[in-house]
Structure formats: structure tokens, C-alpha cells
Amino acid sequence: GLGLAGLSVDWMFAHLQPVLVAYLFFIGGVLCPLAWLLGQ
């Protein structure tokens, strides 16, 4: 609800530079933890 919201993703890519850092933050901080929790 928070990490996949457009507001949050826009903030990540606007403030975390370079783009690779924002991408890894999004993957490592939102998508992967969500998948890990639901995979259990």
C-alpha cells in the first residue's frame, strides 16, 4: 500500500540518485521483502 504507491515510487527516483540506487532501493526495500513474506 505504501511502497508501491505512485507517490512513493516517484519520491524514490526523484531523491535517490543515481537511478540504479533508486531501483535497488525499490527492489530491495519493497518488492523483495513483500515476496519473501508471502512466499512463507
Full PDB file with SEQRES, HELIX, SHEET, SSBOND, CRYST1, ORIGX, SCALE, CONECT and MASTER records, all heavy atoms in Angstrom:
SEQRES   1 A   40  GLY LEU GLY LEU ALA GLY LEU SER VAL ASP TRP MET PHE          
SEQRES   2 A   40  ALA HIS LEU GLN PRO VAL LEU VAL ALA TYR LEU PHE PHE          
SEQRES   3 A   40  ILE GLY GLY VAL LEU CYS PRO LEU ALA TRP LEU LEU GLY          
SEQRES   4 A   40  GLN                                                          
HELIX    1 AA1 GLY A    6  HIS A   15  1                                  10    
HELIX    2 AA2 VAL A   19  PHE A   26  1                                   8    
HELIX    3 AA3 ILE A   27  LEU A   31  3                                   5    
HELIX    4 AA4 CYS A   32  GLY A   39  1                                   8    
CRYST1    1.000    1.000    1.000  90.00  90.00  90.00 P 1           1          
ORIGX1      1.000000  0.000000  0.000000        0.00000                         
ORIGX2      0.000000  1.000000  0.000000        0.00000                         
ORIGX3      0.000000  0.000000  1.000000        0.00000                         
SCALE1      1.000000  0.000000  0.000000        0.00000                         
SCALE2      0.000000  1.000000  0.000000        0.00000                         
SCALE3      0.000000  0.000000  1.000000        0.00000                         
ATOM      1  N   GLY A   1       0.794  -1.228   0.000  1.00  0.00           N  
ATOM      2  CA  GLY A   1       0.000   0.000   0.000  1.00  0.00           C  
ATOM      3  C   GLY A   1       0.819   1.267   0.000  1.00  0.00           C  
ATOM      4  O   GLY A   1       0.432   2.268  -0.624  1.00  0.00           O  
ATOM      5  N   LEU A   2       1.963   1.240   0.685  1.00  0.00           N  
ATOM      6  CA  LEU A   2       2.815   2.431   0.751  1.00  0.00           C  
ATOM      7  C   LEU A   2       3.943   2.373  -0.271  1.00  0.00           C  
ATOM      8  O   LEU A   2       4.180   3.338  -0.992  1.00  0.00           O  
ATOM      9  CB  LEU A   2       3.389   2.596   2.157  1.00  0.00           C  
ATOM     10  CG  LEU A   2       2.484   3.249   3.209  1.00  0.00           C  
ATOM     11  CD1 LEU A   2       1.257   2.385   3.506  1.00  0.00           C  
ATOM     12  CD2 LEU A   2       3.249   3.480   4.512  1.00  0.00           C  
ATOM     13  N   GLY A   3       4.640   1.237  -0.339  1.00  0.00           N  
ATOM     14  CA  GLY A   3       5.821   1.146  -1.190  1.00  0.00           C  
ATOM     15  C   GLY A   3       5.529   1.118  -2.674  1.00  0.00           C  
ATOM     16  O   GLY A   3       6.358   1.550  -3.478  1.00  0.00           O  
ATOM     17  N   LEU A   4       4.361   0.599  -3.074  1.00  0.00           N  
ATOM     18  CA  LEU A   4       4.005   0.548  -4.490  1.00  0.00           C  
ATOM     19  C   LEU A   4       3.159   1.737  -4.927  1.00  0.00           C  
ATOM     20  O   LEU A   4       2.786   1.829  -6.102  1.00  0.00           O  
ATOM     21  CB  LEU A   4       3.254  -0.758  -4.803  1.00  0.00           C  
ATOM     22  CG  LEU A   4       4.045  -2.057  -4.642  1.00  0.00           C  
ATOM     23  CD1 LEU A   4       3.158  -3.264  -4.930  1.00  0.00           C  
ATOM     24  CD2 LEU A   4       5.266  -2.075  -5.561  1.00  0.00           C  
ATOM     25  N   ALA A   5       2.851   2.620  -3.999  1.00  0.00           N  
ATOM     26  CA  ALA A   5       2.091   3.824  -4.355  1.00  0.00           C  
ATOM     27  C   ALA A   5       2.919   4.705  -5.288  1.00  0.00           C  
ATOM     28  O   ALA A   5       4.151   4.814  -5.137  1.00  0.00           O  
ATOM     29  CB  ALA A   5       1.708   4.600  -3.099  1.00  0.00           C  
ATOM     30  N   GLY A   6       2.254   5.317  -6.257  1.00  0.00           N  
ATOM     31  CA  GLY A   6       2.969   6.176  -7.198  1.00  0.00           C  
ATOM     32  C   GLY A   6       3.713   7.294  -6.507  1.00  0.00           C  
ATOM     33  O   GLY A   6       4.819   7.676  -6.919  1.00  0.00           O  
ATOM     34  N   LEU A   7       3.140   7.829  -5.435  1.00  0.00           N  
ATOM     35  CA  LEU A   7       3.766   8.899  -4.673  1.00  0.00           C  
ATOM     36  C   LEU A   7       5.123   8.455  -4.122  1.00  0.00           C  
ATOM     37  O   LEU A   7       6.114   9.181  -4.194  1.00  0.00           O  
ATOM     38  CB  LEU A   7       2.832   9.312  -3.531  1.00  0.00           C  
ATOM     39  CG  LEU A   7       3.065  10.660  -2.852  1.00  0.00           C  
ATOM     40  CD1 LEU A   7       2.752  11.795  -3.820  1.00  0.00           C  
ATOM     41  CD2 LEU A   7       2.182  10.768  -1.610  1.00  0.00           C  
ATOM     42  N   SER A   8       5.173   7.231  -3.595  1.00  0.00           N  
ATOM     43  CA  SER A   8       6.411   6.718  -3.003  1.00  0.00           C  
ATOM     44  C   SER A   8       7.458   6.413  -4.061  1.00  0.00           C  
ATOM     45  O   SER A   8       8.641   6.741  -3.901  1.00  0.00           O  
ATOM     46  CB  SER A   8       6.113   5.448  -2.194  1.00  0.00           C  
ATOM     47  OG  SER A   8       5.147   5.692  -1.196  1.00  0.00           O  
ATOM     48  N   VAL A   9       7.042   5.772  -5.156  1.00  0.00           N  
ATOM     49  CA  VAL A   9       7.992   5.419  -6.211  1.00  0.00           C  
ATOM     50  C   VAL A   9       8.563   6.679  -6.858  1.00  0.00           C  
ATOM     51  O   VAL A   9       9.771   6.761  -7.126  1.00  0.00           O  
ATOM     52  CB  VAL A   9       7.317   4.510  -7.256  1.00  0.00           C  
ATOM     53  CG1 VAL A   9       8.306   4.147  -8.364  1.00  0.00           C  
ATOM     54  CG2 VAL A   9       6.781   3.241  -6.595  1.00  0.00           C  
ATOM     55  N   ASP A  10       7.710   7.677  -7.097  1.00  0.00           N  
ATOM     56  CA  ASP A  10       8.198   8.942  -7.648  1.00  0.00           C  
ATOM     57  C   ASP A  10       9.220   9.584  -6.717  1.00  0.00           C  
ATOM     58  O   ASP A  10      10.228  10.138  -7.168  1.00  0.00           O  
ATOM     59  CB  ASP A  10       7.025   9.909  -7.867  1.00  0.00           C  
ATOM     60  CG  ASP A  10       6.141   9.488  -9.032  1.00  0.00           C  
ATOM     61  OD1 ASP A  10       6.529   8.565  -9.775  1.00  0.00           O  
ATOM     62  OD2 ASP A  10       5.052  10.078  -9.183  1.00  0.00           O  
ATOM     63  N   TRP A  11       8.961   9.526  -5.414  1.00  0.00           N  
ATOM     64  CA  TRP A  11       9.891  10.117  -4.438  1.00  0.00           C  
ATOM     65  C   TRP A  11      11.240   9.398  -4.497  1.00  0.00           C  
ATOM     66  O   TRP A  11      12.296  10.046  -4.476  1.00  0.00           O  
ATOM     67  CB  TRP A  11       9.311  10.013  -3.027  1.00  0.00           C  
ATOM     68  CG  TRP A  11      10.205  10.632  -1.994  1.00  0.00           C  
ATOM     69  CD1 TRP A  11      10.182  11.920  -1.542  1.00  0.00           C  
ATOM     70  CD2 TRP A  11      11.292   9.984  -1.291  1.00  0.00           C  
ATOM     71  NE1 TRP A  11      11.179  12.119  -0.616  1.00  0.00           N  
ATOM     72  CE2 TRP A  11      11.871  10.958  -0.437  1.00  0.00           C  
ATOM     73  CE3 TRP A  11      11.803   8.699  -1.306  1.00  0.00           C  
ATOM     74  CZ2 TRP A  11      12.950  10.654   0.385  1.00  0.00           C  
ATOM     75  CZ3 TRP A  11      12.883   8.397  -0.488  1.00  0.00           C  
ATOM     76  CH2 TRP A  11      13.439   9.374   0.352  1.00  0.00           C  
ATOM     77  N   MET A  12      11.215   8.070  -4.567  1.00  0.00           N  
ATOM     78  CA  MET A  12      12.473   7.309  -4.607  1.00  0.00           C  
ATOM     79  C   MET A  12      13.334   7.738  -5.791  1.00  0.00           C  
ATOM     80  O   MET A  12      14.536   8.007  -5.651  1.00  0.00           O  
ATOM     81  CB  MET A  12      12.182   5.806  -4.711  1.00  0.00           C  
ATOM     82  CG  MET A  12      11.539   5.188  -3.499  1.00  0.00           C  
ATOM     83  SD  MET A  12      11.186   3.427  -3.795  1.00  0.00           S  
ATOM     84  CE  MET A  12       9.861   3.160  -2.608  1.00  0.00           C  
ATOM     85  N   PHE A  13      12.724   7.799  -6.968  1.00  0.00           N  
ATOM     86  CA  PHE A  13      13.512   8.091  -8.165  1.00  0.00           C  
ATOM     87  C   PHE A  13      13.844   9.585  -8.282  1.00  0.00           C  
ATOM     88  O   PHE A  13      14.745   9.941  -9.046  1.00  0.00           O  
ATOM     89  CB  PHE A  13      12.775   7.596  -9.407  1.00  0.00           C  
ATOM     90  CG  PHE A  13      12.905   6.113  -9.612  1.00  0.00           C  
ATOM     91  CD1 PHE A  13      11.983   5.235  -9.054  1.00  0.00           C  
ATOM     92  CD2 PHE A  13      13.968   5.591 -10.312  1.00  0.00           C  
ATOM     93  CE1 PHE A  13      12.111   3.864  -9.211  1.00  0.00           C  
ATOM     94  CE2 PHE A  13      14.112   4.221 -10.480  1.00  0.00           C  
ATOM     95  CZ  PHE A  13      13.180   3.350  -9.931  1.00  0.00           C  
ATOM     96  N   ALA A  14      13.146  10.416  -7.531  1.00  0.00           N  
ATOM     97  CA  ALA A  14      13.478  11.839  -7.540  1.00  0.00           C  
ATOM     98  C   ALA A  14      14.605  12.168  -6.568  1.00  0.00           C  
ATOM     99  O   ALA A  14      15.400  13.088  -6.815  1.00  0.00           O  
ATOM    100  CB  ALA A  14      12.242  12.667  -7.194  1.00  0.00           C  
ATOM    101  N   HIS A  15      14.717  11.423  -5.473  1.00  0.00           N  
ATOM    102  CA  HIS A  15      15.655  11.792  -4.415  1.00  0.00           C  
ATOM    103  C   HIS A  15      16.833  10.835  -4.250  1.00  0.00           C  
ATOM    104  O   HIS A  15      17.810  11.186  -3.591  1.00  0.00           O  
ATOM    105  CB  HIS A  15      14.914  11.903  -3.078  1.00  0.00           C  
ATOM    106  CG  HIS A  15      13.930  13.031  -3.027  1.00  0.00           C  
ATOM    107  ND1 HIS A  15      12.625  12.910  -3.471  1.00  0.00           N  
ATOM    108  CD2 HIS A  15      14.073  14.310  -2.614  1.00  0.00           C  
ATOM    109  CE1 HIS A  15      12.001  14.062  -3.320  1.00  0.00           C  
ATOM    110  NE2 HIS A  15      12.851  14.930  -2.803  1.00  0.00           N  
ATOM    111  N   LEU A  16      16.739   9.641  -4.792  1.00  0.00           N  
ATOM    112  CA  LEU A  16      17.832   8.676  -4.663  1.00  0.00           C  
ATOM    113  C   LEU A  16      18.554   8.584  -5.999  1.00  0.00           C  
ATOM    114  O   LEU A  16      18.008   8.071  -6.973  1.00  0.00           O  
ATOM    115  CB  LEU A  16      17.292   7.301  -4.244  1.00  0.00           C  
ATOM    116  CG  LEU A  16      16.524   7.258  -2.918  1.00  0.00           C  
ATOM    117  CD1 LEU A  16      15.978   5.861  -2.663  1.00  0.00           C  
ATOM    118  CD2 LEU A  16      17.417   7.700  -1.765  1.00  0.00           C  
ATOM    119  N   GLN A  17      19.735   9.127  -6.061  1.00  0.00           N  
ATOM    120  CA  GLN A  17      20.499   9.155  -7.304  1.00  0.00           C  
ATOM    121  C   GLN A  17      21.849   8.464  -7.106  1.00  0.00           C  
ATOM    122  O   GLN A  17      22.399   8.486  -6.006  1.00  0.00           O  
ATOM    123  CB  GLN A  17      20.700  10.607  -7.759  1.00  0.00           C  
ATOM    124  CG  GLN A  17      19.409  11.313  -8.132  1.00  0.00           C  
ATOM    125  CD  GLN A  17      18.709  10.670  -9.312  1.00  0.00           C  
ATOM    126  OE1 GLN A  17      19.363  10.181 -10.241  1.00  0.00           O  
ATOM    127  NE2 GLN A  17      17.383  10.665  -9.286  1.00  0.00           N  
ATOM    128  N   PRO A  18      22.398   7.811  -8.140  1.00  0.00           N  
ATOM    129  CA  PRO A  18      21.844   7.708  -9.488  1.00  0.00           C  
ATOM    130  C   PRO A  18      20.638   6.784  -9.548  1.00  0.00           C  
ATOM    131  O   PRO A  18      20.234   6.215  -8.526  1.00  0.00           O  
ATOM    132  CB  PRO A  18      23.019   7.140 -10.292  1.00  0.00           C  
ATOM    133  CG  PRO A  18      23.809   6.369  -9.281  1.00  0.00           C  
ATOM    134  CD  PRO A  18      23.690   7.141  -8.003  1.00  0.00           C  
ATOM    135  N   VAL A  19      20.092   6.625 -10.733  1.00  0.00           N  
ATOM    136  CA  VAL A  19      18.855   5.851 -10.905  1.00  0.00           C  
ATOM    137  C   VAL A  19      19.018   4.423 -10.397  1.00  0.00           C  
ATOM    138  O   VAL A  19      18.082   3.846  -9.841  1.00  0.00           O  
ATOM    139  CB  VAL A  19      18.428   5.861 -12.387  1.00  0.00           C  
ATOM    140  CG1 VAL A  19      17.280   4.897 -12.628  1.00  0.00           C  
ATOM    141  CG2 VAL A  19      18.030   7.265 -12.813  1.00  0.00           C  
ATOM    142  N   LEU A  20      20.207   3.848 -10.563  1.00  0.00           N  
ATOM    143  CA  LEU A  20      20.439   2.474 -10.106  1.00  0.00           C  
ATOM    144  C   LEU A  20      20.216   2.345  -8.608  1.00  0.00           C  
ATOM    145  O   LEU A  20      19.691   1.326  -8.137  1.00  0.00           O  
ATOM    146  CB  LEU A  20      21.868   2.040 -10.466  1.00  0.00           C  
ATOM    147  CG  LEU A  20      22.256   0.621 -10.036  1.00  0.00           C  
ATOM    148  CD1 LEU A  20      21.350  -0.405 -10.702  1.00  0.00           C  
ATOM    149  CD2 LEU A  20      23.726   0.345 -10.363  1.00  0.00           C  
ATOM    150  N   VAL A  21      20.585   3.371  -7.844  1.00  0.00           N  
ATOM    151  CA  VAL A  21      20.372   3.336  -6.390  1.00  0.00           C  
ATOM    152  C   VAL A  21      18.878   3.301  -6.078  1.00  0.00           C  
ATOM    153  O   VAL A  21      18.425   2.519  -5.240  1.00  0.00           O  
ATOM    154  CB  VAL A  21      21.047   4.550  -5.724  1.00  0.00           C  
ATOM    155  CG1 VAL A  21      20.685   4.619  -4.239  1.00  0.00           C  
ATOM    156  CG2 VAL A  21      22.559   4.481  -5.896  1.00  0.00           C  
ATOM    157  N   ALA A  22      18.100   4.140  -6.766  1.00  0.00           N  
ATOM    158  CA  ALA A  22      16.653   4.159  -6.551  1.00  0.00           C  
ATOM    159  C   ALA A  22      16.035   2.818  -6.928  1.00  0.00           C  
ATOM    160  O   ALA A  22      15.162   2.292  -6.216  1.00  0.00           O  
ATOM    161  CB  ALA A  22      16.027   5.289  -7.358  1.00  0.00           C  
ATOM    162  N   TYR A  23      16.481   2.250  -8.050  1.00  0.00           N  
ATOM    163  CA  TYR A  23      15.955   0.951  -8.486  1.00  0.00           C  
ATOM    164  C   TYR A  23      16.241  -0.124  -7.436  1.00  0.00           C  
ATOM    165  O   TYR A  23      15.347  -0.896  -7.055  1.00  0.00           O  
ATOM    166  CB  TYR A  23      16.578   0.574  -9.825  1.00  0.00           C  
ATOM    167  CG  TYR A  23      16.276  -0.844 -10.260  1.00  0.00           C  
ATOM    168  CD1 TYR A  23      15.042  -1.178 -10.820  1.00  0.00           C  
ATOM    169  CD2 TYR A  23      17.227  -1.856 -10.091  1.00  0.00           C  
ATOM    170  CE1 TYR A  23      14.766  -2.479 -11.205  1.00  0.00           C  
ATOM    171  CE2 TYR A  23      16.950  -3.164 -10.477  1.00  0.00           C  
ATOM    172  CZ  TYR A  23      15.721  -3.477 -11.040  1.00  0.00           C  
ATOM    173  OH  TYR A  23      15.449  -4.762 -11.409  1.00  0.00           O  
ATOM    174  N   LEU A  24      17.480  -0.195  -6.966  1.00  0.00           N  
ATOM    175  CA  LEU A  24      17.843  -1.211  -5.979  1.00  0.00           C  
ATOM    176  C   LEU A  24      17.125  -0.996  -4.658  1.00  0.00           C  
ATOM    177  O   LEU A  24      16.745  -1.965  -3.978  1.00  0.00           O  
ATOM    178  CB  LEU A  24      19.360  -1.217  -5.773  1.00  0.00           C  
ATOM    179  CG  LEU A  24      20.191  -1.683  -6.978  1.00  0.00           C  
ATOM    180  CD1 LEU A  24      21.674  -1.542  -6.680  1.00  0.00           C  
ATOM    181  CD2 LEU A  24      19.849  -3.125  -7.349  1.00  0.00           C  
ATOM    182  N   PHE A  25      16.909   0.269  -4.286  1.00  0.00           N  
ATOM    183  CA  PHE A  25      16.160   0.559  -3.066  1.00  0.00           C  
ATOM    184  C   PHE A  25      14.725   0.065  -3.199  1.00  0.00           C  
ATOM    185  O   PHE A  25      14.159  -0.527  -2.265  1.00  0.00           O  
ATOM    186  CB  PHE A  25      16.181   2.066  -2.786  1.00  0.00           C  
ATOM    187  CG  PHE A  25      15.523   2.459  -1.497  1.00  0.00           C  
ATOM    188  CD1 PHE A  25      16.233   2.458  -0.313  1.00  0.00           C  
ATOM    189  CD2 PHE A  25      14.186   2.819  -1.458  1.00  0.00           C  
ATOM    190  CE1 PHE A  25      15.633   2.813   0.895  1.00  0.00           C  
ATOM    191  CE2 PHE A  25      13.560   3.172  -0.271  1.00  0.00           C  
ATOM    192  CZ  PHE A  25      14.297   3.160   0.913  1.00  0.00           C  
ATOM    193  N   PHE A  26      14.130   0.310  -4.361  1.00  0.00           N  
ATOM    194  CA  PHE A  26      12.752  -0.132  -4.602  1.00  0.00           C  
ATOM    195  C   PHE A  26      12.658  -1.659  -4.573  1.00  0.00           C  
ATOM    196  O   PHE A  26      11.767  -2.229  -3.944  1.00  0.00           O  
ATOM    197  CB  PHE A  26      12.280   0.409  -5.955  1.00  0.00           C  
ATOM    198  CG  PHE A  26      10.918  -0.069  -6.374  1.00  0.00           C  
ATOM    199  CD1 PHE A  26       9.780   0.374  -5.721  1.00  0.00           C  
ATOM    200  CD2 PHE A  26      10.775  -0.961  -7.418  1.00  0.00           C  
ATOM    201  CE1 PHE A  26       8.520  -0.067  -6.102  1.00  0.00           C  
ATOM    202  CE2 PHE A  26       9.527  -1.414  -7.813  1.00  0.00           C  
ATOM    203  CZ  PHE A  26       8.394  -0.957  -7.151  1.00  0.00           C  
ATOM    204  N   ILE A  27      13.598  -2.323  -5.232  1.00  0.00           N  
ATOM    205  CA  ILE A  27      13.577  -3.785  -5.282  1.00  0.00           C  
ATOM    206  C   ILE A  27      13.896  -4.378  -3.911  1.00  0.00           C  
ATOM    207  O   ILE A  27      13.195  -5.275  -3.425  1.00  0.00           O  
ATOM    208  CB  ILE A  27      14.581  -4.304  -6.328  1.00  0.00           C  
ATOM    209  CG1 ILE A  27      14.179  -3.853  -7.731  1.00  0.00           C  
ATOM    210  CG2 ILE A  27      14.679  -5.827  -6.276  1.00  0.00           C  
ATOM    211  CD1 ILE A  27      12.829  -4.341  -8.189  1.00  0.00           C  
ATOM    212  N   GLY A  28      14.976  -3.870  -3.292  1.00  0.00           N  
ATOM    213  CA  GLY A  28      15.419  -4.431  -2.022  1.00  0.00           C  
ATOM    214  C   GLY A  28      14.590  -4.019  -0.830  1.00  0.00           C  
ATOM    215  O   GLY A  28      14.541  -4.736   0.179  1.00  0.00           O  
ATOM    216  N   GLY A  29      13.939  -2.840  -0.912  1.00  0.00           N  
ATOM    217  CA  GLY A  29      13.188  -2.346   0.236  1.00  0.00           C  
ATOM    218  C   GLY A  29      11.699  -2.581   0.172  1.00  0.00           C  
ATOM    219  O   GLY A  29      11.011  -2.519   1.204  1.00  0.00           O  
ATOM    220  N   VAL A  30      11.178  -2.858  -1.026  1.00  0.00           N  
ATOM    221  CA  VAL A  30       9.728  -3.022  -1.167  1.00  0.00           C  
ATOM    222  C   VAL A  30       9.377  -4.384  -1.765  1.00  0.00           C  
ATOM    223  O   VAL A  30       8.723  -5.208  -1.124  1.00  0.00           O  
ATOM    224  CB  VAL A  30       9.127  -1.893  -2.039  1.00  0.00           C  
ATOM    225  CG1 VAL A  30       7.620  -2.116  -2.235  1.00  0.00           C  
ATOM    226  CG2 VAL A  30       9.385  -0.531  -1.414  1.00  0.00           C  
ATOM    227  N   LEU A  31       9.815  -4.634  -3.000  1.00  0.00           N  
ATOM    228  CA  LEU A  31       9.340  -5.817  -3.710  1.00  0.00           C  
ATOM    229  C   LEU A  31       9.863  -7.119  -3.119  1.00  0.00           C  
ATOM    230  O   LEU A  31       9.088  -8.069  -2.900  1.00  0.00           O  
ATOM    231  CB  LEU A  31       9.724  -5.715  -5.193  1.00  0.00           C  
ATOM    232  CG  LEU A  31       9.156  -6.809  -6.090  1.00  0.00           C  
ATOM    233  CD1 LEU A  31       7.630  -6.770  -6.089  1.00  0.00           C  
ATOM    234  CD2 LEU A  31       9.688  -6.681  -7.503  1.00  0.00           C  
ATOM    235  N   CYS A  32      11.157  -7.203  -2.863  1.00  0.00           N  
ATOM    236  CA  CYS A  32      11.717  -8.453  -2.348  1.00  0.00           C  
ATOM    237  C   CYS A  32      11.226  -8.803  -0.937  1.00  0.00           C  
ATOM    238  O   CYS A  32      10.882  -9.966  -0.682  1.00  0.00           O  
ATOM    239  CB  CYS A  32      13.241  -8.409  -2.397  1.00  0.00           C  
ATOM    240  SG  CYS A  32      13.879  -8.618  -4.081  1.00  0.00           S  
ATOM    241  N   PRO A  33      11.174  -7.850   0.009  1.00  0.00           N  
ATOM    242  CA  PRO A  33      10.611  -8.202   1.316  1.00  0.00           C  
ATOM    243  C   PRO A  33       9.170  -8.683   1.231  1.00  0.00           C  
ATOM    244  O   PRO A  33       8.778  -9.629   1.924  1.00  0.00           O  
ATOM    245  CB  PRO A  33      10.712  -6.884   2.102  1.00  0.00           C  
ATOM    246  CG  PRO A  33      11.841  -6.160   1.463  1.00  0.00           C  
ATOM    247  CD  PRO A  33      11.762  -6.499   0.013  1.00  0.00           C  
ATOM    248  N   LEU A  34       8.385  -8.055   0.347  1.00  0.00           N  
ATOM    249  CA  LEU A  34       6.997  -8.480   0.178  1.00  0.00           C  
ATOM    250  C   LEU A  34       6.941  -9.917  -0.347  1.00  0.00           C  
ATOM    251  O   LEU A  34       6.165 -10.747   0.152  1.00  0.00           O  
ATOM    252  CB  LEU A  34       6.300  -7.507  -0.775  1.00  0.00           C  
ATOM    253  CG  LEU A  34       4.785  -7.606  -0.938  1.00  0.00           C  
ATOM    254  CD1 LEU A  34       4.210  -6.241  -1.314  1.00  0.00           C  
ATOM    255  CD2 LEU A  34       4.401  -8.611  -2.022  1.00  0.00           C  
ATOM    256  N   ALA A  35       7.754 -10.225  -1.366  1.00  0.00           N  
ATOM    257  CA  ALA A  35       7.774 -11.578  -1.920  1.00  0.00           C  
ATOM    258  C   ALA A  35       8.262 -12.589  -0.878  1.00  0.00           C  
ATOM    259  O   ALA A  35       7.733 -13.715  -0.790  1.00  0.00           O  
ATOM    260  CB  ALA A  35       8.666 -11.618  -3.160  1.00  0.00           C  
ATOM    261  N   TRP A  36       9.272 -12.219  -0.092  1.00  0.00           N  
ATOM    262  CA  TRP A  36       9.809 -13.116   0.936  1.00  0.00           C  
ATOM    263  C   TRP A  36       8.747 -13.452   1.987  1.00  0.00           C  
ATOM    264  O   TRP A  36       8.575 -14.608   2.374  1.00  0.00           O  
ATOM    265  CB  TRP A  36      11.021 -12.471   1.585  1.00  0.00           C  
ATOM    266  CG  TRP A  36      11.641 -13.291   2.681  1.00  0.00           C  
ATOM    267  CD1 TRP A  36      12.388 -14.416   2.553  1.00  0.00           C  
ATOM    268  CD2 TRP A  36      11.531 -13.044   4.095  1.00  0.00           C  
ATOM    269  NE1 TRP A  36      12.771 -14.891   3.783  1.00  0.00           N  
ATOM    270  CE2 TRP A  36      12.264 -14.066   4.742  1.00  0.00           C  
ATOM    271  CE3 TRP A  36      10.914 -12.059   4.858  1.00  0.00           C  
ATOM    272  CZ2 TRP A  36      12.362 -14.127   6.131  1.00  0.00           C  
ATOM    273  CZ3 TRP A  36      11.028 -12.118   6.242  1.00  0.00           C  
ATOM    274  CH2 TRP A  36      11.746 -13.139   6.864  1.00  0.00           C  
ATOM    275  N   LEU A  37       8.023 -12.455   2.425  1.00  0.00           N  
ATOM    276  CA  LEU A  37       6.978 -12.673   3.438  1.00  0.00           C  
ATOM    277  C   LEU A  37       5.849 -13.549   2.909  1.00  0.00           C  
ATOM    278  O   LEU A  37       5.406 -14.483   3.577  1.00  0.00           O  
ATOM    279  CB  LEU A  37       6.426 -11.328   3.909  1.00  0.00           C  
ATOM    280  CG  LEU A  37       7.352 -10.476   4.779  1.00  0.00           C  
ATOM    281  CD1 LEU A  37       6.808  -9.055   4.897  1.00  0.00           C  
ATOM    282  CD2 LEU A  37       7.521 -11.100   6.163  1.00  0.00           C  
ATOM    283  N   LEU A  38       5.385 -13.255   1.697  1.00  0.00           N  
ATOM    284  CA  LEU A  38       4.272 -14.031   1.149  1.00  0.00           C  
ATOM    285  C   LEU A  38       4.715 -15.424   0.725  1.00  0.00           C  
ATOM    286  O   LEU A  38       3.902 -16.364   0.729  1.00  0.00           O  
ATOM    287  CB  LEU A  38       3.655 -13.284  -0.030  1.00  0.00           C  
ATOM    288  CG  LEU A  38       2.962 -11.963   0.322  1.00  0.00           C  
ATOM    289  CD1 LEU A  38       2.346 -11.323  -0.917  1.00  0.00           C  
ATOM    290  CD2 LEU A  38       1.887 -12.169   1.387  1.00  0.00           C  
ATOM    291  N   GLY A  39       5.980 -15.581   0.366  1.00  0.00           N  
ATOM    292  CA  GLY A  39       6.476 -16.903  -0.003  1.00  0.00           C  
ATOM    293  C   GLY A  39       6.430 -17.899   1.144  1.00  0.00           C  
ATOM    294  O   GLY A  39       6.424 -19.117   0.917  1.00  0.00           O  
ATOM    295  N   GLN A  40       6.363 -17.437   2.370  1.00  0.00           N  
ATOM    296  CA  GLN A  40       6.312 -18.324   3.529  1.00  0.00           C  
ATOM    297  C   GLN A  40       4.942 -18.964   3.721  1.00  0.00           C  
ATOM    298  O   GLN A  40       4.796 -19.946   4.443  1.00  0.00           O  
ATOM    299  CB  GLN A  40       6.674 -17.545   4.792  1.00  0.00           C  
ATOM    300  CG  GLN A  40       8.066 -16.951   4.789  1.00  0.00           C  
ATOM    301  CD  GLN A  40       8.331 -16.102   6.021  1.00  0.00           C  
ATOM    302  OE1 GLN A  40       7.805 -16.367   7.090  1.00  0.00           O  
ATOM    303  NE2 GLN A  40       9.161 -15.084   5.865  1.00  0.00           N  
TER     304      GLN A  40                                                      
MASTER        0    0    0    4    0    0    0    6  303    1    0    4          
END                                                                             
